[in-house]
C-alpha atoms as a PDB file:
ATOM      1  CA  MET A   1      67.946  28.315 -26.518  1.00  0.00           C
ATOM      2  CA  ALA A   2      64.749  29.858 -25.183  1.00  0.00           C
ATOM      3  CA  ALA A   3      65.144  32.269 -22.296  1.00  0.00           C
ATOM      4  CA  GLU A   4      63.819  31.118 -18.919  1.00  0.00           C
ATOM      5  CA  VAL A   5      61.111  32.835 -16.899  1.00  0.00           C
ATOM      6  CA  CYS A   6      62.398  35.572 -14.607  1.00  0.00           C
ATOM      7  CA  PRO A   7      63.468  33.892 -11.313  1.00  0.00           C
ATOM      8  CA  GLU A   8      61.865  36.418  -8.932  1.00  0.00           C
ATOM      9  CA  ILE A   9      58.641  38.239  -9.783  1.00  0.00           C
ATOM     10  CA  HIS A  10      56.781  40.656  -7.545  1.00  0.00           C
ATOM     11  CA  TYR A  11      53.067  40.955  -8.114  1.00  0.00           C
ATOM     12  CA  ARG A  12      49.719  42.166  -6.843  1.00  0.00           C
ATOM     13  CA  LYS A  13      46.574  40.047  -6.897  1.00  0.00           C
ATOM     14  CA  ASN A  14      43.438  41.734  -8.245  1.00  0.00           C
ATOM     15  CA  GLU A  15      40.510  39.375  -7.630  1.00  0.00           C
ATOM     16  CA  ASP A  16      41.341  36.512 -10.035  1.00  0.00           C
ATOM     17  CA  GLU A  17      44.120  38.222 -12.011  1.00  0.00           C
ATOM     18  CA  ILE A  18      47.782  39.141 -11.503  1.00  0.00           C
ATOM     19  CA  THR A  19      49.521  42.495 -12.009  1.00  0.00           C
ATOM     20  CA  ILE A  20      53.327  42.453 -12.242  1.00  0.00           C
ATOM     21  CA  THR A  21      54.938  45.130 -10.062  1.00  0.00           C
ATOM     22  CA  GLY A  22      58.629  44.308 -10.437  1.00  0.00           C
ATOM     23  CA  CYS A  23      61.189  41.709 -11.567  1.00  0.00           C
ATOM     24  CA  TYR A  24      64.485  40.617 -10.004  1.00  0.00           C
ATOM     25  CA  GLY A  25      67.306  38.532 -11.408  1.00  0.00           C
ATOM     26  CA  PRO A  26      70.054  38.587 -14.033  1.00  0.00           C
ATOM     27  CA  ALA A  27      70.123  41.629 -16.286  1.00  0.00           C
ATOM     28  CA  GLY A  28      69.216  41.351 -19.941  1.00  0.00           C
ATOM     29  CA  VAL A  29      66.317  39.247 -21.238  1.00  0.00           C
ATOM     30  CA  VAL A  30      63.189  38.992 -19.075  1.00  0.00           C
ATOM     31  CA  VAL A  31      60.416  36.475 -19.723  1.00  0.00           C
ATOM     32  CA  LEU A  32      57.130  36.735 -17.816  1.00  0.00           C
ATOM     33  CA  PRO A  33      54.911  33.697 -17.157  1.00  0.00           C
ATOM     34  CA  ASP A  34      51.348  33.418 -18.427  1.00  0.00           C
ATOM     35  CA  GLU A  35      50.175  32.415 -14.949  1.00  0.00           C
ATOM     36  CA  ILE A  36      51.248  32.760 -11.321  1.00  0.00           C
ATOM     37  CA  LYS A  37      49.792  30.264  -8.855  1.00  0.00           C
ATOM     38  CA  GLY A  38      47.052  29.383 -11.298  1.00  0.00           C
ATOM     39  CA  LEU A  39      45.938  32.971 -11.958  1.00  0.00           C
ATOM     40  CA  PRO A  40      46.455  34.694 -15.323  1.00  0.00           C
ATOM     41  CA  VAL A  41      48.986  37.536 -15.616  1.00  0.00           C
ATOM     42  CA  THR A  42      47.025  40.370 -17.220  1.00  0.00           C
ATOM     43  CA  ALA A  43      48.728  43.676 -16.361  1.00  0.00           C
ATOM     44  CA  ILE A  44      52.016  45.496 -15.766  1.00  0.00           C
ATOM     45  CA  GLU A  45      52.040  48.075 -12.977  1.00  0.00           C
ATOM     46  CA  ALA A  46      52.873  51.703 -13.753  1.00  0.00           C
ATOM     47  CA  TYR A  47      56.654  52.260 -13.477  1.00  0.00           C
ATOM     48  CA  ALA A  48      57.191  48.479 -13.049  1.00  0.00           C
ATOM     49  CA  PHE A  49      60.492  48.510 -14.986  1.00  0.00           C
ATOM     50  CA  ALA A  50      61.263  52.196 -14.642  1.00  0.00           C
ATOM     51  CA  GLU A  51      64.649  53.390 -13.518  1.00  0.00           C
ATOM     52  CA  GLU A  52      64.741  54.040  -9.762  1.00  0.00           C
ATOM     53  CA  ALA A  53      61.026  53.294  -9.315  1.00  0.00           C
ATOM     54  CA  GLU A  54      59.571  52.738  -5.865  1.00  0.00           C
ATOM     55  CA  GLU A  55      57.761  49.427  -5.936  1.00  0.00           C
ATOM     56  CA  PRO A  56      54.389  49.117  -4.154  1.00  0.00           C
ATOM     57  CA  GLU A  57      53.896  46.448  -1.508  1.00  0.00           C
ATOM     58  CA  SER A  58      53.808  43.154  -3.387  1.00  0.00           C
ATOM     59  CA  CYS A  59      53.677  39.386  -3.182  1.00  0.00           C
ATOM     60  CA  VAL A  60      56.736  37.421  -4.318  1.00  0.00           C
ATOM     61  CA  TYR A  61      56.835  34.557  -6.801  1.00  0.00           C
ATOM     62  CA  LEU A  62      60.036  32.482  -7.098  1.00  0.00           C
ATOM     63  CA  THR A  63      60.761  30.011  -9.889  1.00  0.00           C
ATOM     64  CA  GLU A  64      62.867  26.876  -9.437  1.00  0.00           C
ATOM     65  CA  GLN A  65      65.828  28.745 -10.950  1.00  0.00           C
ATOM     66  CA  ALA A  66      65.766  31.237  -8.076  1.00  0.00           C
ATOM     67  CA  ASP A  67      67.517  28.684  -5.828  1.00  0.00           C
ATOM     68  CA  TYR A  68      70.548  28.825  -8.144  1.00  0.00           C
ATOM     69  CA  ILE A  69      70.684  32.610  -8.495  1.00  0.00           C
ATOM     70  CA  SER A  70      71.634  34.294  -5.251  1.00  0.00           C
ATOM     71  CA  ASP A  71      72.244  37.754  -6.690  1.00  0.00           C
ATOM     72  CA  ARG A  72      68.880  39.056  -7.887  1.00  0.00           C
ATOM     73  CA  PRO A  73      68.939  42.848  -8.349  1.00  0.00           C
ATOM     74  CA  ARG A  74      65.859  44.719  -9.503  1.00  0.00           C
ATOM     75  CA  ILE A  75      65.541  44.696 -13.300  1.00  0.00           C
ATOM     76  CA  GLY A  76      64.840  48.029 -14.966  1.00  0.00           C
ATOM     77  CA  GLY A  77      66.504  51.115 -16.346  1.00  0.00           C
ATOM     78  CA  ASP A  78      69.672  50.291 -18.257  1.00  0.00           C
ATOM     79  CA  ASN A  79      69.820  46.582 -17.327  1.00  0.00           C
ATOM     80  CA  LEU A  80      66.715  45.501 -19.270  1.00  0.00           C
ATOM     81  CA  SER A  81      67.411  44.700 -22.933  1.00  0.00           C
ATOM     82  CA  GLU A  82      64.550  42.425 -24.021  1.00  0.00           C
ATOM     83  CA  LEU A  83      61.120  41.711 -22.541  1.00  0.00           C
ATOM     84  CA  HIS A  84      58.719  38.880 -23.347  1.00  0.00           C
ATOM     85  CA  LEU A  85      55.311  39.873 -22.006  1.00  0.00           C
ATOM     86  CA  SER A  86      52.720  37.296 -21.014  1.00  0.00           C
ATOM     87  CA  ARG A  87      50.393  36.663 -23.964  1.00  0.00           C
ATOM     88  CA  GLY A  88      47.359  37.470 -21.827  1.00  0.00           C
ATOM     89  CA  ILE A  89      48.503  40.914 -20.711  1.00  0.00           C
ATOM     90  CA  ARG A  90      45.798  43.479 -21.458  1.00  0.00           C
ATOM     91  CA  GLN A  91      47.118  46.521 -19.618  1.00  0.00           C
ATOM     92  CA  LEU A  92      50.499  48.232 -19.607  1.00  0.00           C
ATOM     93  CA  GLY A  93      50.793  50.912 -16.946  1.00  0.00           C
ATOM     94  CA  ARG A  94      51.945  54.497 -17.423  1.00  0.00           C
ATOM     95  CA  TYR A  95      55.711  54.927 -17.684  1.00  0.00           C
ATOM     96  CA  ALA A  96      56.136  51.160 -17.337  1.00  0.00           C
ATOM     97  CA  PHE A  97      59.554  51.300 -19.056  1.00  0.00           C
ATOM     98  CA  TYR A  98      60.551  54.823 -18.074  1.00  0.00           C
ATOM     99  CA  ARG A  99      64.233  55.368 -18.929  1.00  0.00           C
ATOM    100  CA  CYS A 100      64.850  51.743 -19.904  1.00  0.00           C
ATOM    101  CA  SER A 101      67.596  53.003 -22.183  1.00  0.00           C
ATOM    102  CA  ALA A 102      68.857  49.524 -23.176  1.00  0.00           C
ATOM    103  CA  LEU A 103      65.447  48.029 -24.008  1.00  0.00           C
ATOM    104  CA  SER A 104      65.649  47.022 -27.679  1.00  0.00           C
ATOM    105  CA  ARG A 105      63.041  44.279 -28.180  1.00  0.00           C
ATOM    106  CA  LEU A 106      59.461  43.645 -27.031  1.00  0.00           C
ATOM    107  CA  VAL A 107      57.543  40.391 -27.532  1.00  0.00           C
ATOM    108  CA  MET A 108      53.826  40.242 -26.711  1.00  0.00           C
ATOM    109  CA  GLY A 109      50.378  38.971 -27.600  1.00  0.00           C
ATOM    110  CA  ASN A 110      47.570  41.015 -29.086  1.00  0.00           C
ATOM    111  CA  ALA A 111      45.406  40.966 -25.954  1.00  0.00           C
ATOM    112  CA  LEU A 112      47.280  44.211 -25.219  1.00  0.00           C
ATOM    113  CA  LEU A 113      45.533  46.865 -27.302  1.00  0.00           C
ATOM    114  CA  ASP A 114      46.910  50.069 -25.811  1.00  0.00           C
ATOM    115  CA  ILE A 115      49.942  51.058 -23.822  1.00  0.00           C
ATOM    116  CA  GLY A 116      49.941  53.487 -20.927  1.00  0.00           C
ATOM    117  CA  GLY A 117      50.925  57.087 -21.492  1.00  0.00           C
ATOM    118  CA  GLY A 118      54.678  57.605 -21.578  1.00  0.00           C
ATOM    119  CA  ALA A 119      55.351  53.852 -21.392  1.00  0.00           C
ATOM    120  CA  LEU A 120      58.425  54.136 -23.625  1.00  0.00           C
ATOM    121  CA  THR A 121      59.612  57.552 -22.430  1.00  0.00           C
ATOM    122  CA  GLY A 122      63.402  57.498 -22.256  1.00  0.00           C
ATOM    123  CA  CYS A 123      63.627  54.218 -24.207  1.00  0.00           C
ATOM    124  CA  ARG A 124      66.019  55.263 -26.933  1.00  0.00           C
ATOM    125  CA  SER A 125      66.806  51.770 -28.202  1.00  0.00           C
ATOM    126  CA  VAL A 126      63.492  49.978 -28.899  1.00  0.00           C
ATOM    127  CA  ARG A 127      63.930  48.715 -32.451  1.00  0.00           C
ATOM    128  CA  GLU A 128      62.113  45.371 -32.624  1.00  0.00           C
ATOM    129  CA  VAL A 129      58.549  44.366 -31.787  1.00  0.00           C
ATOM    130  CA  GLU A 130      57.103  40.863 -32.162  1.00  0.00           C
ATOM    131  CA  ILE A 131      53.375  40.247 -31.730  1.00  0.00           C
ATOM    132  CA  PHE A 132      51.522  36.918 -31.636  1.00  0.00           C
ATOM    133  CA  PHE A 133      47.871  37.235 -32.676  1.00  0.00           C
ATOM    134  CA  THR A 134      44.887  35.184 -31.601  1.00  0.00           C
ATOM    135  CA  GLY A 135      41.362  36.051 -32.665  1.00  0.00           C
ATOM    136  CA  ASP A 136      41.151  39.376 -34.517  1.00  0.00           C
ATOM    137  CA  ALA A 137      43.973  41.510 -35.970  1.00  0.00           C
ATOM    138  CA  LYS A 138      43.848  44.341 -33.418  1.00  0.00           C
ATOM    139  CA  SER A 139      46.950  45.026 -31.326  1.00  0.00           C
ATOM    140  CA  ALA A 140      48.971  47.722 -29.566  1.00  0.00           C
ATOM    141  CA  LEU A 141      51.312  48.123 -32.533  1.00  0.00           C
ATOM    142  CA  ARG A 142      50.037  51.598 -33.409  1.00  0.00           C
ATOM    143  CA  SER A 143      50.555  52.790 -29.838  1.00  0.00           C
ATOM    144  CA  LEU A 144      54.072  51.383 -29.771  1.00  0.00           C
ATOM    145  CA  VAL A 145      55.286  52.858 -33.050  1.00  0.00           C
ATOM    146  CA  SER A 146      53.628  56.187 -32.275  1.00  0.00           C
ATOM    147  CA  GLU A 147      55.705  56.464 -29.093  1.00  0.00           C
ATOM    148  CA  GLU A 148      59.004  56.078 -30.978  1.00  0.00           C
ATOM    149  CA  ARG A 149      60.300  58.288 -33.795  1.00  0.00           C
ATOM    150  CA  TYR A 150      63.160  55.901 -34.590  1.00  0.00           C
ATOM    151  CA  THR A 151      62.958  52.967 -37.020  1.00  0.00           C
ATOM    152  CA  ILE A 152      61.007  50.015 -35.625  1.00  0.00           C
ATOM    153  CA  HIS A 153      60.959  46.552 -37.190  1.00  0.00           C
ATOM    154  CA  ALA A 154      57.831  44.501 -36.435  1.00  0.00           C
ATOM    155  CA  ARG A 155      57.276  40.770 -36.970  1.00  0.00           C
ATOM    156  CA  LEU A 156      53.574  39.911 -36.803  1.00  0.00           C
ATOM    157  CA  HIS A 157      52.403  36.318 -36.338  1.00  0.00           C
ATOM    158  CA  TYR A 158      48.776  35.886 -37.429  1.00  0.00           C
ATOM    159  CA  PRO A 159      46.855  32.591 -37.240  1.00  0.00           C
ATOM    160  CA  ASP A 160      46.938  32.409 -41.060  1.00  0.00           C
ATOM    161  CA  GLY A 161      50.371  33.814 -41.846  1.00  0.00           C
ATOM    162  CA  GLU A 162      53.223  36.165 -40.963  1.00  0.00           C
ATOM    163  CA  ALA A 163      54.080  39.745 -41.842  1.00  0.00           C
ATOM    164  CA  ASP A 164      57.386  41.595 -41.599  1.00  0.00           C
ATOM    165  CA  VAL A 165      56.976  45.372 -41.625  1.00  0.00           C
ATOM    166  CA  LEU A 166      59.200  48.368 -41.044  1.00  0.00           C
ATOM    167  CA  PHE A 167      58.247  51.768 -39.662  1.00  0.00           C
ATOM    168  CA  PRO A 168      61.020  54.159 -40.757  1.00  0.00           C
ATOM    169  CA  GLU A 169      62.409  56.951 -38.628  1.00  0.00           C
ATOM    170  CA  HIS A 170      60.807  60.376 -38.767  1.00  0.00           C
ATOM    171  CA  TYR A 171      61.313  63.685 -37.034  1.00  0.00           C
ATOM    172  CA  GLU A 172      60.382  67.336 -37.268  1.00  0.00           C
ATOM    173  CA  GLU A 173      62.443  70.465 -36.953  1.00  0.00           C
ATOM    174  CA  ALA A 174      61.712  74.168 -37.111  1.00  0.00           C
ATOM    175  CA  GLU A 175      63.379  76.195 -39.846  1.00  0.00           C
ATOM    176  CA  GLU A 176      63.320  79.958 -40.160  1.00  0.00           C
ATOM    177  CA  ASN A 177      62.603  81.965 -43.273  1.00  0.00           C
ATOM    178  CA  THR A 178      64.815  84.839 -42.115  1.00  0.00           C
ATOM    179  CA  PRO A 179      63.710  87.547 -44.582  1.00  0.00           C
ATOM    180  CA  ALA A 180      60.047  86.897 -43.806  1.00  0.00           C
ATOM    181  CA  ARG A 181      60.687  86.191 -40.096  1.00  0.00           C
ATOM    182  CA  ILE A 182      58.561  83.081 -40.318  1.00  0.00           C
ATOM    183  CA  LEU A 183      59.176  79.736 -38.604  1.00  0.00           C
ATOM    184  CA  TYR A 184      57.866  76.649 -40.333  1.00  0.00           C
ATOM    185  CA  THR A 185      58.012  72.927 -39.570  1.00  0.00           C
ATOM    186  CA  VAL A 186      60.008  70.585 -41.800  1.00  0.00           C
ATOM    187  CA  HIS A 187      59.286  66.833 -41.734  1.00  0.00           C
ATOM    188  CA  HIS A 188      62.086  64.331 -42.338  1.00  0.00           C
ATOM    189  CA  GLY A 189      61.643  60.657 -43.178  1.00  0.00           C
ATOM    190  CA  SER A 190      58.542  58.726 -44.252  1.00  0.00           C
ATOM    191  CA  GLY A 191      57.902  57.220 -40.820  1.00  0.00           C
ATOM    192  CA  GLY A 192      55.146  59.695 -40.014  1.00  0.00           C
ATOM    193  CA  TYR A 193      53.098  58.420 -42.956  1.00  0.00           C
ATOM    194  CA  TYR A 194      53.653  54.776 -42.052  1.00  0.00           C
ATOM    195  CA  ARG A 195      52.513  55.377 -38.491  1.00  0.00           C
ATOM    196  CA  GLN A 196      49.102  56.397 -39.843  1.00  0.00           C
ATOM    197  CA  CYS A 197      48.460  53.057 -41.568  1.00  0.00           C
ATOM    198  CA  PHE A 198      46.046  51.778 -38.951  1.00  0.00           C
ATOM    199  CA  TYR A 199      42.288  51.510 -38.700  1.00  0.00           C
ATOM    200  CA  ASP A 200      40.705  50.622 -35.365  1.00  0.00           C
ATOM    201  CA  ARG A 201      44.048  49.230 -34.082  1.00  0.00           C
ATOM    202  CA  GLU A 202      44.540  47.031 -37.170  1.00  0.00           C
ATOM    203  CA  LEU A 203      47.414  47.533 -39.598  1.00  0.00           C
ATOM    204  CA  ASP A 204      46.040  48.440 -43.033  1.00  0.00           C
ATOM    205  CA  PHE A 205      48.412  46.581 -45.358  1.00  0.00           C
ATOM    206  CA  LYS A 206      46.964  48.125 -48.518  1.00  0.00           C
ATOM    207  CA  LYS A 207      47.603  51.644 -47.204  1.00  0.00           C
ATOM    208  CA  TYR A 208      51.035  50.589 -45.929  1.00  0.00           C
ATOM    209  CA  ASP A 209      52.091  49.292 -49.358  1.00  0.00           C
ATOM    210  CA  GLU A 210      50.826  52.412 -51.131  1.00  0.00           C
ATOM    211  CA  LEU A 211      53.410  54.500 -49.243  1.00  0.00           C
ATOM    212  CA  LEU A 212      56.430  53.027 -51.031  1.00  0.00           C
ATOM    213  CA  PRO A 213      56.962  56.206 -53.155  1.00  0.00           C
ATOM    214  CA  TYR A 214      57.239  58.268 -49.966  1.00  0.00           C
ATOM    215  CA  ALA A 215      59.875  55.928 -48.546  1.00  0.00           C
ATOM    216  CA  VAL A 216      61.829  56.010 -51.820  1.00  0.00           C
ATOM    217  CA  ALA A 217      61.758  59.816 -51.833  1.00  0.00           C
ATOM    218  CA  GLU A 218      62.575  60.438 -48.170  1.00  0.00           C
ATOM    219  CA  ASP A 219      64.570  57.506 -46.760  1.00  0.00           C
ATOM    220  CA  HIS A 220      67.995  55.970 -47.308  1.00  0.00           C
ATOM    221  CA  PRO A 221      68.041  53.102 -49.853  1.00  0.00           C
ATOM    222  CA  GLU A 222      69.056  50.540 -47.226  1.00  0.00           C
ATOM    223  CA  THR A 223      65.901  51.397 -45.250  1.00  0.00           C
ATOM    224  CA  VAL A 224      63.701  50.898 -48.308  1.00  0.00           C
ATOM    225  CA  VAL A 225      65.557  47.690 -49.207  1.00  0.00           C
ATOM    226  CA  GLN A 226      64.796  46.299 -45.754  1.00  0.00           C
ATOM    227  CA  LEU A 227      61.147  47.384 -46.020  1.00  0.00           C
ATOM    228  CA  ALA A 228      60.704  45.848 -49.478  1.00  0.00           C
ATOM    229  CA  LEU A 229      62.379  42.579 -48.532  1.00  0.00           C
ATOM    230  CA  GLY A 230      60.206  42.222 -45.444  1.00  0.00           C
ATOM    231  CA  ARG A 231      57.006  42.554 -47.431  1.00  0.00           C
ATOM    232  CA  LEU A 232      58.168  40.220 -50.200  1.00  0.00           C
ATOM    233  CA  ARG A 233      59.573  37.466 -48.006  1.00  0.00           C
ATOM    234  CA  PHE A 234      56.517  37.479 -45.735  1.00  0.00           C
ATOM    235  CA  PRO A 235      53.744  38.558 -48.154  1.00  0.00           C
ATOM    236  CA  TYR A 236      50.815  38.667 -45.758  1.00  0.00           C
ATOM    237  CA  HIS A 237      47.915  40.484 -47.480  1.00  0.00           C
ATOM    238  CA  LEU A 238      50.329  41.647 -50.186  1.00  0.00           C
ATOM    239  CA  ARG A 239      48.549  42.497 -53.448  1.00  0.00           C
ATOM    240  CA  ALA A 240      50.215  41.441 -56.709  1.00  0.00           C
ATOM    241  CA  SER A 241      50.620  45.039 -57.883  1.00  0.00           C
ATOM    242  CA  ALA A 242      52.310  46.070 -54.642  1.00  0.00           C
ATOM    243  CA  GLY A 243      54.614  43.060 -54.824  1.00  0.00           C
ATOM    244  CA  ALA A 244      55.609  44.079 -58.342  1.00  0.00           C
ATOM    245  CA  ASP A 245      56.418  47.582 -57.114  1.00  0.00           C
ATOM    246  CA  TYR A 246      58.680  46.217 -54.384  1.00  0.00           C
ATOM    247  CA  LEU A 247      60.451  43.955 -56.882  1.00  0.00           C
ATOM    248  CA  ASP A 248      60.960  46.861 -59.284  1.00  0.00           C
ATOM    249  CA  TYR A 249      62.540  48.906 -56.522  1.00  0.00           C
ATOM    250  CA  LEU A 250      64.936  46.088 -55.605  1.00  0.00           C
ATOM    251  CA  ARG A 251      65.954  45.713 -59.252  1.00  0.00           C
ATOM    252  CA  GLN A 252      66.805  49.400 -59.378  1.00  0.00           C
ATOM    253  CA  GLU A 253      68.723  49.316 -56.089  1.00  0.00           C
ATOM    254  CA  ILE A 254      70.196  45.830 -56.297  1.00  0.00           C
ATOM    255  CA  VAL A 255      73.767  47.052 -55.669  1.00  0.00           C
ATOM    256  CA  ALA A 256      72.636  48.895 -52.530  1.00  0.00           C
ATOM    257  CA  ALA A 257      70.792  45.723 -51.497  1.00  0.00           C
ATOM    258  CA  ALA A 258      73.955  43.637 -51.895  1.00  0.00           C
ATOM    259  CA  VAL A 259      76.048  46.003 -49.778  1.00  0.00           C
ATOM    260  CA  TYR A 260      73.348  46.246 -47.096  1.00  0.00           C
ATOM    261  CA  LEU A 261      72.793  42.477 -46.876  1.00  0.00           C
ATOM    262  CA  ALA A 262      76.520  41.757 -46.823  1.00  0.00           C
ATOM    263  CA  GLY A 263      76.927  44.167 -43.925  1.00  0.00           C
ATOM    264  CA  LYS A 264      74.007  42.606 -42.041  1.00  0.00           C
ATOM    265  CA  GLU A 265      75.156  39.070 -42.926  1.00  0.00           C
ATOM    266  CA  ASP A 266      71.569  38.285 -43.946  1.00  0.00           C
ATOM    267  CA  VAL A 267      72.000  34.918 -45.642  1.00  0.00           C
ATOM    268  CA  GLU A 268      68.298  34.189 -46.155  1.00  0.00           C
ATOM    269  CA  SER A 269      67.611  37.485 -47.935  1.00  0.00           C
ATOM    270  CA  ILE A 270      70.668  37.041 -50.162  1.00  0.00           C
ATOM    271  CA  ARG A 271      69.423  33.620 -51.217  1.00  0.00           C
ATOM    272  CA  TYR A 272      65.880  34.923 -51.657  1.00  0.00           C
ATOM    273  CA  LEU A 273      67.073  37.547 -54.152  1.00  0.00           C
ATOM    274  CA  GLY A 274      68.952  34.793 -55.943  1.00  0.00           C
ATOM    275  CA  ARG A 275      65.812  32.665 -56.225  1.00  0.00           C
ATOM    276  CA  MET A 276      63.973  35.704 -57.613  1.00  0.00           C
ATOM    277  CA  GLY A 277      66.674  36.134 -60.261  1.00  0.00           C
ATOM    278  CA  LEU A 278      67.459  39.709 -59.214  1.00  0.00           C
ATOM    279  CA  TRP A 279      71.219  39.518 -58.792  1.00  0.00           C
ATOM    280  CA  THR A 280      73.415  41.259 -61.323  1.00  0.00           C
ATOM    281  CA  LYS A 281      77.138  40.785 -61.775  1.00  0.00           C
ATOM    282  CA  GLU A 282      77.814  44.283 -60.421  1.00  0.00           C
ATOM    283  CA  ALA A 283      75.690  43.680 -57.312  1.00  0.00           C
ATOM    284  CA  VAL A 284      77.194  40.286 -56.510  1.00  0.00           C
ATOM    285  CA  GLU A 285      80.717  41.652 -56.854  1.00  0.00           C
ATOM    286  CA  ALA A 286      79.812  44.575 -54.583  1.00  0.00           C
ATOM    287  CA  GLY A 287      78.714  42.070 -51.953  1.00  0.00           C
ATOM    288  CA  ILE A 288      81.862  40.011 -52.450  1.00  0.00           C
ATOM    289  CA  ASP A 289      84.058  43.101 -52.150  1.00  0.00           C
ATOM    290  CA  LEU A 290      82.490  44.183 -48.851  1.00  0.00           C
ATOM    291  CA  ALA A 291      82.552  40.661 -47.398  1.00  0.00           C
ATOM    292  CA  SER A 292      86.223  40.338 -48.374  1.00  0.00           C
ATOM    293  CA  GLU A 293      87.182  43.738 -46.929  1.00  0.00           C
ATOM    294  CA  GLU A 294      85.418  43.021 -43.630  1.00  0.00           C
ATOM    295  CA  LYS A 295      86.603  39.404 -43.520  1.00  0.00           C
ATOM    296  CA  LYS A 296      83.068  38.007 -43.372  1.00  0.00           C
ATOM    297  CA  THR A 297      83.937  34.520 -44.595  1.00  0.00           C
ATOM    298  CA  GLY A 298      80.444  33.081 -44.313  1.00  0.00           C
ATOM    299  CA  ILE A 299      78.814  35.839 -46.356  1.00  0.00           C
ATOM    300  CA  LEU A 300      81.652  35.783 -48.879  1.00  0.00           C
ATOM    301  CA  SER A 301      80.946  32.099 -49.555  1.00  0.00           C
ATOM    302  CA  VAL A 302      77.209  32.822 -49.927  1.00  0.00           C
ATOM    303  CA  PHE A 303      77.841  35.516 -52.520  1.00  0.00           C
ATOM    304  CA  MET A 304      80.361  33.323 -54.314  1.00  0.00           C
ATOM    305  CA  GLU A 305      77.711  30.611 -54.519  1.00  0.00           C
ATOM    306  CA  GLU A 306      75.175  33.112 -55.915  1.00  0.00           C
ATOM    307  CA  LYS A 307      77.764  34.192 -58.445  1.00  0.00           C
ATOM    308  CA  ARG A 308      78.298  30.599 -59.536  1.00  0.00           C
ATOM    309  CA  LYS A 309      74.575  29.846 -59.813  1.00  0.00           C
ATOM    310  CA  SER A 310      73.969  33.045 -61.796  1.00  0.00           C
ATOM    311  CA  GLY A 311      76.746  32.205 -64.259  1.00  0.00           C
ATOM    312  CA  PHE A 312      78.697  35.435 -63.673  1.00  0.00           C
ATOM    313  CA  SER A 313      82.370  35.104 -64.588  1.00  0.00           C
ATOM    314  CA  SER A 314      85.167  37.093 -63.044  1.00  0.00           C
ATOM    315  CA  LYS A 315      88.936  36.979 -62.878  1.00  0.00           C
ATOM    316  CA  LYS A 316      89.000  38.545 -59.427  1.00  0.00           C
ATOM    317  CA  THR A 317      90.482  36.607 -56.543  1.00  0.00           C
ATOM    318  CA  PHE A 318      89.882  37.337 -52.882  1.00  0.00           C
ATOM    319  CA  GLN A 319      92.007  36.691 -49.841  1.00  0.00           C
ATOM    320  CA  LEU A 320      90.849  36.741 -46.243  1.00  0.00           C
END
């Protein structure tokens, strides 16, 4: 069921446009409207969802649901988990989500090209971004992933197709060469490379796909499995040679893929690998073993079906 628009929205009118200054209502998922009183919502005020922010003097917009929700605390900080921005928003103020420690998912349009400085400061949980494109392919994706060093999964909806991309975690640390008394910086994870795959705010898919060897060398197999599956299942601007490279990697790590997908209970990806003829007997049984141990009955039945379709025989029996 789709989430409803936030019941109480505070805003400021700027000529013929609306800037959101604060939201009030049940904690969790917040959906902003595209318009308020006939005027387009185009901006989010600085510190609008920040923890303990002082809201500027604002107008108040109440939806029909507000009559049924008497308790409407200010939403921000640790009680905001998911935010659906208006598709027409072009400006995100500085520190808009300051210390929103529970914020894990952002949904937006590509009218927003840049985010304000420090917008995600203190947001330790942002892991998913979904962007709906109209017109050109520019967006704020580069700004968003550059703000976060942790893994971010992005689903991109273009007018002519969809892409599913992953930006792995990366971080730096200083290590000392004690005999030489020299400090040098060590980079961990391939995420730093992936965050450079943009040109003029557009994701460069060719450059993105060329980084697979770096991910293989520096990231955990389950991260690379997720990355490869995303590109193959949603092959937007995926060249044939790059697709072959992703398939080759999955063949080599098919057991790791089975264990990862069983743990995530990702039915569609399991069936996709079956359609591609990638399952081996060892991989399927690894998935069955994990599903059986963790009592994941649904996933167990999916793997058993893949085993049957692939013609793998086994004398093992499983009890849940």
